Protein backbone atom coordinates (compact mmCIF):
# COMPACT_ATOMS: atom_id res chain seq x y z
CA MET A 1 -104.51 116.95 52.92
CA SER A 2 -102.78 120.16 53.93
CA SER A 3 -101.50 122.78 51.50
CA SER A 4 -98.01 121.29 51.87
CA LYS A 5 -98.88 118.50 49.44
CA PRO A 6 -97.15 118.89 46.06
CA ALA A 7 -100.41 119.29 44.17
CA ALA A 8 -99.18 122.09 41.92
CA THR A 9 -96.15 120.20 40.63
CA GLY A 10 -96.09 119.26 36.97
CA THR A 11 -96.11 115.75 35.52
CA LYS A 12 -92.65 116.39 34.05
CA ASP A 13 -91.18 116.99 37.54
CA ILE A 14 -92.79 113.83 38.89
CA ARG A 15 -91.59 111.89 35.86
CA ASN A 16 -88.04 113.00 36.63
CA VAL A 17 -88.43 111.72 40.19
CA ILE A 18 -89.61 108.38 38.73
CA LYS A 19 -86.41 108.17 36.68
CA HIS A 20 -84.32 108.77 39.81
CA LEU A 21 -86.19 106.02 41.67
CA LEU A 22 -85.79 103.56 38.78
CA ASN A 23 -82.05 104.23 38.65
CA LYS A 24 -81.74 104.25 42.44
CA GLU A 25 -80.31 107.75 42.30
CA TYR A 26 -81.44 109.81 45.27
CA ILE A 27 -79.36 112.94 44.79
CA PHE A 28 -81.19 115.94 43.30
CA LYS A 29 -80.21 119.47 42.41
CA GLU A 30 -80.51 121.88 45.31
CA ASP A 31 -83.76 123.89 45.39
CA SER A 32 -85.18 121.84 42.50
CA THR A 33 -88.86 120.89 42.32
CA GLU A 34 -87.84 117.23 41.98
CA LYS A 35 -85.97 117.38 45.30
CA GLU A 36 -88.93 119.05 46.98
CA ILE A 37 -91.28 116.32 45.76
CA PHE A 38 -88.90 113.55 46.79
CA ASN A 39 -88.32 114.99 50.27
CA GLU A 40 -92.00 115.50 50.95
CA LEU A 41 -93.10 112.05 49.76
CA PHE A 42 -90.18 109.89 50.89
CA ILE A 43 -88.09 111.76 53.50
CA THR A 44 -90.33 113.99 55.62
CA ASP A 45 -93.04 111.30 55.62
CA SER A 46 -95.83 113.34 57.23
CA GLU A 47 -98.86 111.67 58.81
CA GLU A 48 -100.89 112.41 55.68
CA ILE A 49 -98.29 110.79 53.43
CA LYS A 50 -98.10 107.79 55.78
CA LYS A 51 -101.87 107.34 55.49
CA LEU A 52 -101.62 107.48 51.70
CA LYS A 53 -98.94 104.80 51.66
CA GLU A 54 -100.99 102.62 54.01
CA GLU A 55 -103.99 102.89 51.68
CA ILE A 56 -101.85 101.83 48.74
CA GLU A 57 -100.26 98.94 50.63
CA ASN A 58 -103.70 97.78 51.83
CA PHE A 59 -104.92 97.88 48.23
CA ILE A 60 -102.00 95.65 47.20
CA GLN A 61 -102.55 93.25 50.10
CA GLU A 62 -106.16 92.78 49.04
CA SER A 63 -105.18 91.85 45.47
CA ASP A 64 -105.27 88.07 45.82
CA SER A 65 -107.09 88.26 42.50
CA LYS A 66 -106.58 91.07 39.98
CA GLN A 67 -107.44 94.54 41.28
CA ASN A 68 -108.00 97.38 38.82
CA ILE A 69 -105.79 100.38 39.61
CA GLN A 70 -108.54 102.79 38.57
CA ASN A 71 -110.29 101.90 41.86
CA LEU A 72 -107.24 103.09 43.83
CA TYR A 73 -107.06 106.34 41.85
CA GLU A 74 -110.72 107.07 42.46
CA LYS A 75 -110.44 106.41 46.19
CA LEU A 76 -107.36 108.62 46.70
CA GLY A 77 -108.74 111.31 44.41
CA LYS A 78 -111.71 111.92 46.75
CA ALA A 79 -111.95 113.41 50.26
CA PRO A 80 -110.28 113.18 52.67
CA TYR A 81 -107.22 112.73 50.38
CA GLY A 82 -107.89 114.61 47.14
CA ILE A 83 -104.60 113.47 45.60
CA SER A 84 -103.79 113.84 41.90
CA ASN A 85 -103.24 110.72 39.77
CA SER A 86 -99.61 111.71 39.19
CA ILE A 87 -98.80 111.68 42.94
CA THR A 88 -100.72 108.42 43.43
CA SER A 89 -98.77 106.86 40.53
CA LEU A 90 -95.45 107.97 42.00
CA LEU A 91 -96.23 106.55 45.44
CA LEU A 92 -97.61 103.34 43.93
CA LEU A 93 -94.65 102.68 41.65
CA ASN A 94 -92.18 103.33 44.48
CA ILE A 95 -93.95 100.74 46.64
CA LEU A 96 -94.05 98.26 43.74
CA LEU A 97 -90.32 98.68 43.15
CA LYS A 98 -89.73 97.69 46.78
CA GLN A 99 -92.17 94.76 46.61
CA GLY A 100 -90.09 92.97 43.97
CA ASP A 101 -91.74 89.72 42.88
CA LYS A 102 -94.53 89.94 45.45
CA VAL A 103 -96.81 91.81 43.03
CA SER A 104 -97.43 91.47 39.29
CA ILE A 105 -98.54 94.39 37.10
CA PHE A 106 -100.82 93.80 34.12
CA GLU A 107 -101.74 96.13 31.28
CA LYS A 108 -104.80 94.96 29.35
CA ASN A 109 -104.30 91.54 30.99
CA ILE A 110 -100.69 91.28 29.74
CA PHE A 111 -97.94 90.99 32.33
CA GLN A 112 -95.49 93.92 32.37
CA LEU A 113 -91.87 92.84 32.65
CA GLU A 114 -90.47 96.19 33.72
CA ILE A 115 -91.51 99.23 35.73
CA SER A 116 -90.36 102.17 33.64
CA ASP A 117 -91.05 105.85 33.03
CA LEU A 118 -92.99 104.81 29.91
CA LEU A 119 -95.18 102.54 32.01
CA TYR A 120 -95.75 105.51 34.32
CA ASP A 121 -96.94 107.59 31.33
CA ARG A 122 -99.38 104.88 30.22
CA LEU A 123 -100.60 104.40 33.78
CA MET A 124 -101.26 108.11 34.08
CA ALA A 125 -103.14 108.23 30.78
CA ASN A 126 -105.23 105.06 31.20
CA PRO A 127 -105.24 103.68 34.76
CA GLN A 128 -108.31 101.59 33.90
CA ASN A 129 -106.06 99.41 31.69
CA PHE A 130 -103.91 98.30 34.64
CA ASP A 131 -104.38 95.60 37.27
CA LEU A 132 -102.32 94.39 40.23
CA GLN A 133 -102.13 90.87 41.60
CA LYS A 134 -100.30 89.67 44.69
CA ASN A 135 -98.05 86.63 44.32
CA VAL A 136 -98.20 84.09 47.15
CA PHE A 137 -95.77 81.16 47.14
CA THR A 138 -95.87 77.94 49.14
CA ASP A 139 -92.64 76.20 50.12
CA LYS A 140 -93.24 73.67 47.31
CA LYS A 141 -93.51 76.50 44.77
CA LYS A 142 -90.33 78.11 46.07
CA GLU A 143 -88.46 74.81 45.79
CA TYR A 144 -89.72 74.40 42.22
CA LEU A 145 -88.69 77.98 41.33
CA GLU A 146 -85.17 77.43 42.64
CA LYS A 147 -84.70 74.28 40.54
CA PHE A 148 -86.30 75.94 37.52
CA SER A 149 -84.12 79.07 37.77
CA LYS A 150 -80.90 77.07 38.03
CA ILE A 151 -81.55 75.67 34.55
CA ALA A 152 -83.40 78.52 32.85
CA CYS A 153 -81.53 81.49 34.36
CA CYS A 154 -78.12 80.00 35.23
CA THR A 155 -78.59 81.27 38.77
CA GLN A 156 -80.64 80.01 41.73
CA THR A 157 -83.52 82.18 42.92
CA ASP A 158 -87.16 81.87 43.95
CA ASN A 159 -88.03 85.32 42.55
CA LEU A 160 -90.86 84.60 40.10
CA LEU A 161 -90.62 87.91 38.24
CA ASP A 162 -86.85 87.66 37.79
CA ILE A 163 -87.25 84.12 36.43
CA THR A 164 -90.06 85.20 34.09
CA LYS A 165 -88.05 88.15 32.77
CA SER A 166 -84.96 85.99 32.29
CA ILE A 167 -86.65 83.23 30.29
CA PHE A 168 -88.79 85.69 28.31
CA TYR A 169 -85.81 87.79 27.25
CA LYS A 170 -83.83 84.63 26.49
CA VAL A 171 -86.44 83.64 23.89
CA LYS A 172 -87.12 87.20 22.65
CA ASN A 173 -83.39 87.71 22.05
CA LEU A 174 -83.10 84.59 19.92
CA ASP A 175 -82.67 85.11 16.19
CA LYS A 176 -85.94 85.47 14.24
CA TYR A 177 -85.38 82.15 12.49
CA THR A 178 -85.41 80.27 15.80
CA GLN A 179 -88.39 82.29 17.01
CA ASN A 180 -90.44 81.27 13.96
CA THR A 181 -89.17 77.94 12.66
CA SER A 182 -91.21 74.77 12.96
CA LYS A 183 -88.03 72.67 12.68
CA LEU A 184 -87.74 72.01 16.39
CA SER A 185 -88.79 69.08 18.54
CA SER A 186 -92.47 69.17 19.49
CA GLU A 187 -91.62 69.83 23.15
CA THR A 188 -89.29 72.71 22.30
CA LEU A 189 -91.87 74.21 19.91
CA LYS A 190 -94.49 74.15 22.67
CA LEU A 191 -92.04 75.60 25.20
CA ARG A 192 -91.01 78.45 22.86
CA ASN A 193 -94.59 79.30 21.93
CA SER A 194 -95.82 79.23 25.52
CA ILE A 195 -93.10 81.75 26.47
CA LEU A 196 -93.69 84.03 23.47
CA ASN A 197 -97.46 84.05 24.08
CA ALA A 198 -97.30 84.35 27.88
CA LYS A 199 -99.52 86.89 29.61
CA GLU A 200 -99.14 85.91 33.28
CA PRO A 201 -95.95 84.82 35.08
CA ASN A 202 -97.76 82.46 37.49
CA LYS A 203 -99.56 80.65 34.68
CA LEU A 204 -96.46 80.51 32.49
CA ILE A 205 -94.01 79.14 35.06
CA PHE A 206 -96.30 76.90 37.10
CA ASN A 207 -98.66 75.58 34.39
CA ASP A 208 -97.88 76.40 30.75
CA ILE A 209 -94.23 75.34 30.69
CA PRO A 210 -94.82 72.04 32.56
CA ILE A 211 -97.70 71.26 30.15
CA ALA A 212 -95.50 72.11 27.14
CA LEU A 213 -93.00 69.50 28.31
CA GLY A 214 -95.60 66.82 28.99
CA PHE A 215 -96.40 67.39 32.69
CA LYS A 216 -99.76 68.39 34.15
CA SER A 217 -98.48 71.19 36.39
CA TYR A 218 -95.49 72.17 38.54
CA GLN A 219 -96.73 69.72 41.22
CA ASN A 220 -96.00 66.79 38.90
CA CYS A 221 -92.54 67.99 37.88
CA ASN A 222 -89.80 65.55 38.81
CA ASN A 223 -86.20 65.28 37.63
CA SER A 224 -87.42 64.21 34.18
CA PHE A 225 -89.11 67.60 33.79
CA PHE A 226 -85.94 69.54 34.58
CA THR A 227 -83.95 67.31 32.20
CA ALA A 228 -86.51 68.03 29.45
CA LEU A 229 -86.42 71.76 30.25
CA GLU A 230 -82.64 71.86 29.96
CA LYS A 231 -82.73 69.87 26.70
CA SER A 232 -85.26 72.25 25.11
CA ILE A 233 -83.41 75.38 26.23
CA ASN A 234 -80.18 73.97 24.77
CA GLU A 235 -82.03 73.18 21.54
CA LEU A 236 -83.22 76.79 21.27
CA ASP A 237 -79.77 78.16 22.08
CA GLY A 238 -78.09 75.97 19.47
CA ASN A 239 -80.66 76.20 16.70
CA TYR A 240 -79.04 78.99 14.71
CA SER A 241 -75.73 77.12 14.66
CA LYS A 242 -77.67 74.12 13.38
CA LEU A 243 -79.14 76.31 10.59
CA THR A 244 -75.75 77.65 9.47
CA LYS A 245 -74.37 74.09 9.46
CA GLU A 246 -77.28 72.99 7.26
CA ILE A 247 -76.57 75.91 4.90
CA GLU A 248 -72.87 75.06 4.82
CA ASN A 249 -73.47 71.36 4.13
CA PHE A 250 -75.99 71.99 1.37
CA LEU A 251 -73.83 74.61 -0.33
CA PHE A 252 -70.67 72.48 -0.46
CA TYR A 253 -72.28 69.11 -1.19
CA SER A 254 -74.21 70.71 -4.07
CA PHE A 255 -70.85 71.57 -5.64
CA GLU A 256 -69.43 68.11 -4.82
CA LEU A 257 -67.13 69.39 -2.07
CA LYS A 258 -66.81 68.45 1.58
CA PRO A 259 -68.13 71.18 3.92
CA GLU A 260 -64.76 72.34 5.26
CA GLU A 261 -63.25 75.78 5.53
CA LYS A 262 -60.27 74.78 3.37
CA ASN A 263 -62.68 73.95 0.52
CA LYS A 264 -63.83 77.55 0.39
CA LYS A 265 -60.89 78.13 -2.00
CA LYS A 266 -61.87 75.14 -4.13
CA LEU A 267 -65.38 76.56 -4.50
CA ALA A 268 -63.92 79.93 -5.50
CA GLN A 269 -61.70 78.16 -8.06
CA LYS A 270 -64.78 76.65 -9.71
CA PHE A 271 -66.09 80.17 -10.32
CA ASN A 272 -62.67 81.52 -11.36
CA LYS A 273 -62.32 78.82 -13.98
CA ILE A 274 -65.55 79.83 -15.77
CA GLU A 275 -65.35 83.56 -15.07
CA GLU A 276 -65.04 84.50 -18.77
CA PHE A 277 -68.32 82.71 -19.55
CA ILE A 278 -70.44 84.33 -16.79
CA SER A 279 -72.72 86.92 -18.36
CA ASP A 280 -75.63 86.82 -15.90
CA ASP A 281 -75.44 89.71 -13.39
CA GLU A 282 -76.85 87.69 -10.48
CA LEU A 283 -74.36 84.90 -11.05
CA LYS A 284 -71.54 87.47 -11.18
CA ILE A 285 -72.61 88.82 -7.78
CA ILE A 286 -72.68 85.29 -6.33
CA ALA A 287 -69.23 84.57 -7.78
CA ASN A 288 -67.75 87.80 -6.38
CA ASN A 289 -69.06 87.04 -2.89
CA ILE A 290 -67.87 83.43 -2.95
CA LYS A 291 -64.37 84.70 -3.79
CA ILE A 292 -64.24 87.14 -0.84
CA GLU A 293 -61.34 86.30 1.49
CA ASN A 294 -61.37 88.93 4.29
CA LEU A 295 -64.27 87.42 6.27
CA SER A 296 -64.35 84.79 8.98
CA TYR A 297 -65.63 81.43 7.77
CA GLU A 298 -68.94 81.86 9.66
CA ARG A 299 -69.51 85.36 8.27
CA TRP A 300 -68.61 84.11 4.78
CA ILE A 301 -71.24 81.35 5.00
CA GLU A 302 -73.87 83.90 6.10
CA ARG A 303 -72.92 86.34 3.35
CA VAL A 304 -72.99 83.79 0.54
CA ALA A 305 -76.35 82.45 1.78
CA THR A 306 -77.77 85.98 1.89
CA VAL A 307 -76.57 86.79 -1.65
CA ILE A 308 -77.78 83.51 -3.18
CA ASN A 309 -81.19 83.83 -1.53
CA LYS A 310 -81.55 87.57 -2.16
CA ARG A 311 -83.09 87.79 1.31
CA ASN A 312 -82.13 89.08 4.75
CA VAL A 313 -79.32 87.40 6.64
CA PRO A 314 -80.13 83.80 7.64
CA LYS A 315 -80.89 84.91 11.21
CA ASN A 316 -84.04 86.55 9.85
CA TRP A 317 -85.07 83.71 7.53
CA SER A 318 -88.21 81.64 7.68
CA ASP A 319 -88.48 77.94 6.85
CA ASN A 320 -89.69 78.98 3.37
CA ASP A 321 -86.56 81.12 2.92
CA LEU A 322 -84.41 78.08 3.70
CA ALA A 323 -86.32 76.04 1.11
CA ASP A 324 -85.88 78.83 -1.45
CA PHE A 325 -82.14 78.96 -0.70
CA LYS A 326 -81.79 75.26 -1.49
CA LYS A 327 -83.67 75.66 -4.78
CA LYS A 328 -81.47 78.61 -5.77
CA VAL A 329 -78.28 76.73 -4.85
CA MET A 330 -79.35 73.85 -7.11
CA SER A 331 -80.17 76.30 -9.90
CA THR A 332 -76.77 77.98 -9.47
CA ARG A 333 -75.03 74.61 -9.46
CA ASN A 334 -76.73 73.64 -12.74
CA GLU A 335 -75.63 76.92 -14.32
CA ILE A 336 -72.06 76.34 -13.16
CA LYS A 337 -72.06 72.78 -14.53
CA SER A 338 -73.22 73.99 -17.94
CA LEU A 339 -70.53 76.68 -17.95
CA GLU A 340 -67.90 74.14 -16.87
CA LEU A 341 -68.92 72.04 -19.86
CA LEU A 342 -68.60 75.07 -22.12
CA HIS A 343 -65.20 75.86 -20.63
CA ALA A 344 -64.01 72.31 -21.22
CA GLN A 345 -65.21 72.34 -24.80
CA SER A 346 -63.50 75.70 -25.45
CA LYS A 347 -60.21 74.20 -24.25
CA GLY A 348 -60.66 71.10 -26.40
CA LEU A 349 -60.86 68.94 -23.28
CA LYS A 350 -62.53 65.56 -23.25
CA VAL A 351 -65.64 65.85 -21.10
CA SER A 352 -66.53 62.96 -18.82
CA LEU A 353 -69.83 62.78 -17.05
CA ASN A 354 -70.67 60.73 -13.98
CA ILE A 355 -73.88 59.01 -15.02
CA ASP A 356 -75.74 56.50 -12.89
CA ASN A 357 -76.90 53.20 -14.42
CA GLU A 358 -80.55 54.21 -14.81
CA LEU A 359 -79.65 57.40 -16.66
CA LYS A 360 -77.16 55.50 -18.82
CA LYS A 361 -79.89 53.03 -19.84
CA LEU A 362 -82.17 55.94 -20.70
CA LEU A 363 -79.48 57.60 -22.83
CA ASP A 364 -78.77 54.31 -24.60
CA LYS A 365 -82.45 54.01 -25.46
CA ILE A 366 -82.51 57.57 -26.78
CA ASN A 367 -79.40 56.87 -28.82
CA SER A 368 -81.04 53.80 -30.37
CA LEU A 369 -83.98 55.84 -31.66
CA PRO A 370 -84.18 56.74 -35.34
CA GLN A 371 -82.48 60.06 -36.12
CA ILE A 372 -85.74 61.90 -36.79
CA GLN A 373 -87.14 60.89 -33.38
CA ARG A 374 -83.90 61.93 -31.65
CA LEU A 375 -84.10 65.35 -33.33
CA MET A 376 -87.74 65.74 -32.30
CA LEU A 377 -86.83 64.85 -28.69
CA VAL A 378 -83.98 67.38 -28.62
CA SER A 379 -86.30 70.02 -30.05
CA CYS A 380 -88.85 69.39 -27.26
CA ILE A 381 -86.16 69.61 -24.58
CA GLU A 382 -84.88 72.91 -25.97
CA LYS A 383 -88.40 74.37 -25.88
């Protein structure tokens, strides 16, 4: 190429041009290096630049299967071009931005959701890690994508990359509990895991997701598939609400109360009544948080669950954390019951216990034992 090529420009200047392209901002400071680069590569469009762009577009057109970008860099780095990797990267990324969903970018065989300045940096440093693959869609695939997107993305499109990004971010933005729990239907578990482990958009959308929902491929997907897809997406979206409801139910039922917001005060009253007998620091902390009033009911449930479990907020729980929470609630309930008994005795109140028939029979048998055996039994229990 002629001496007019921007060969002496620094990577920082080119990186700034990349940022402008990504943000679709085409106004540069007067007499800036960035403006000079932009004008020469995208405005003036000399014959030499046109040939470079044609080479890049031809490379993309030939990528029916994955093509390693290192091959493009090597070709354009030699005569008659002799172009630096930074200029090749800038031209390539600009073309890819215009191509939309027609081309997929892979880094170490993992699909890249976004073209960014950070991707540019990695591409510059290790072009051998990157591959391109052209996406070709039949009319049947486009029809499938439109139906799929209407459910998964809440908008109708046949843009594969937009659909892939939408469903991937939908799952990645779910709370950690939903991302990791096994307490989902088998179909929803398979759907979630196929999305989280996806490496290629074509394989994910046209094969992995249909298989997860019990269909061989997109070609076998009828209305039943789209119904199953919608059901699983709704299950994922509503799973955290299901968790908080389970926490709420278990907490209130353990203290013999109905799980209703108005019973929050009744639960607090249980702790107020025995406050003078609470000496354990952990139980004091639980009591103080149960009595908090300036939180919404949902936030209150989350806070109490977090304090009882001594873990992160429920959104970040695992299934084991949920099991631990239930154990700790039962332990707390037993402590409260013993303190309620102590409170009643201190007030000279008659204590009545709700005992089922089997337990009553057992107590009657114990009571019928000789005194020495009863004392030995009590001694064993205390130990």
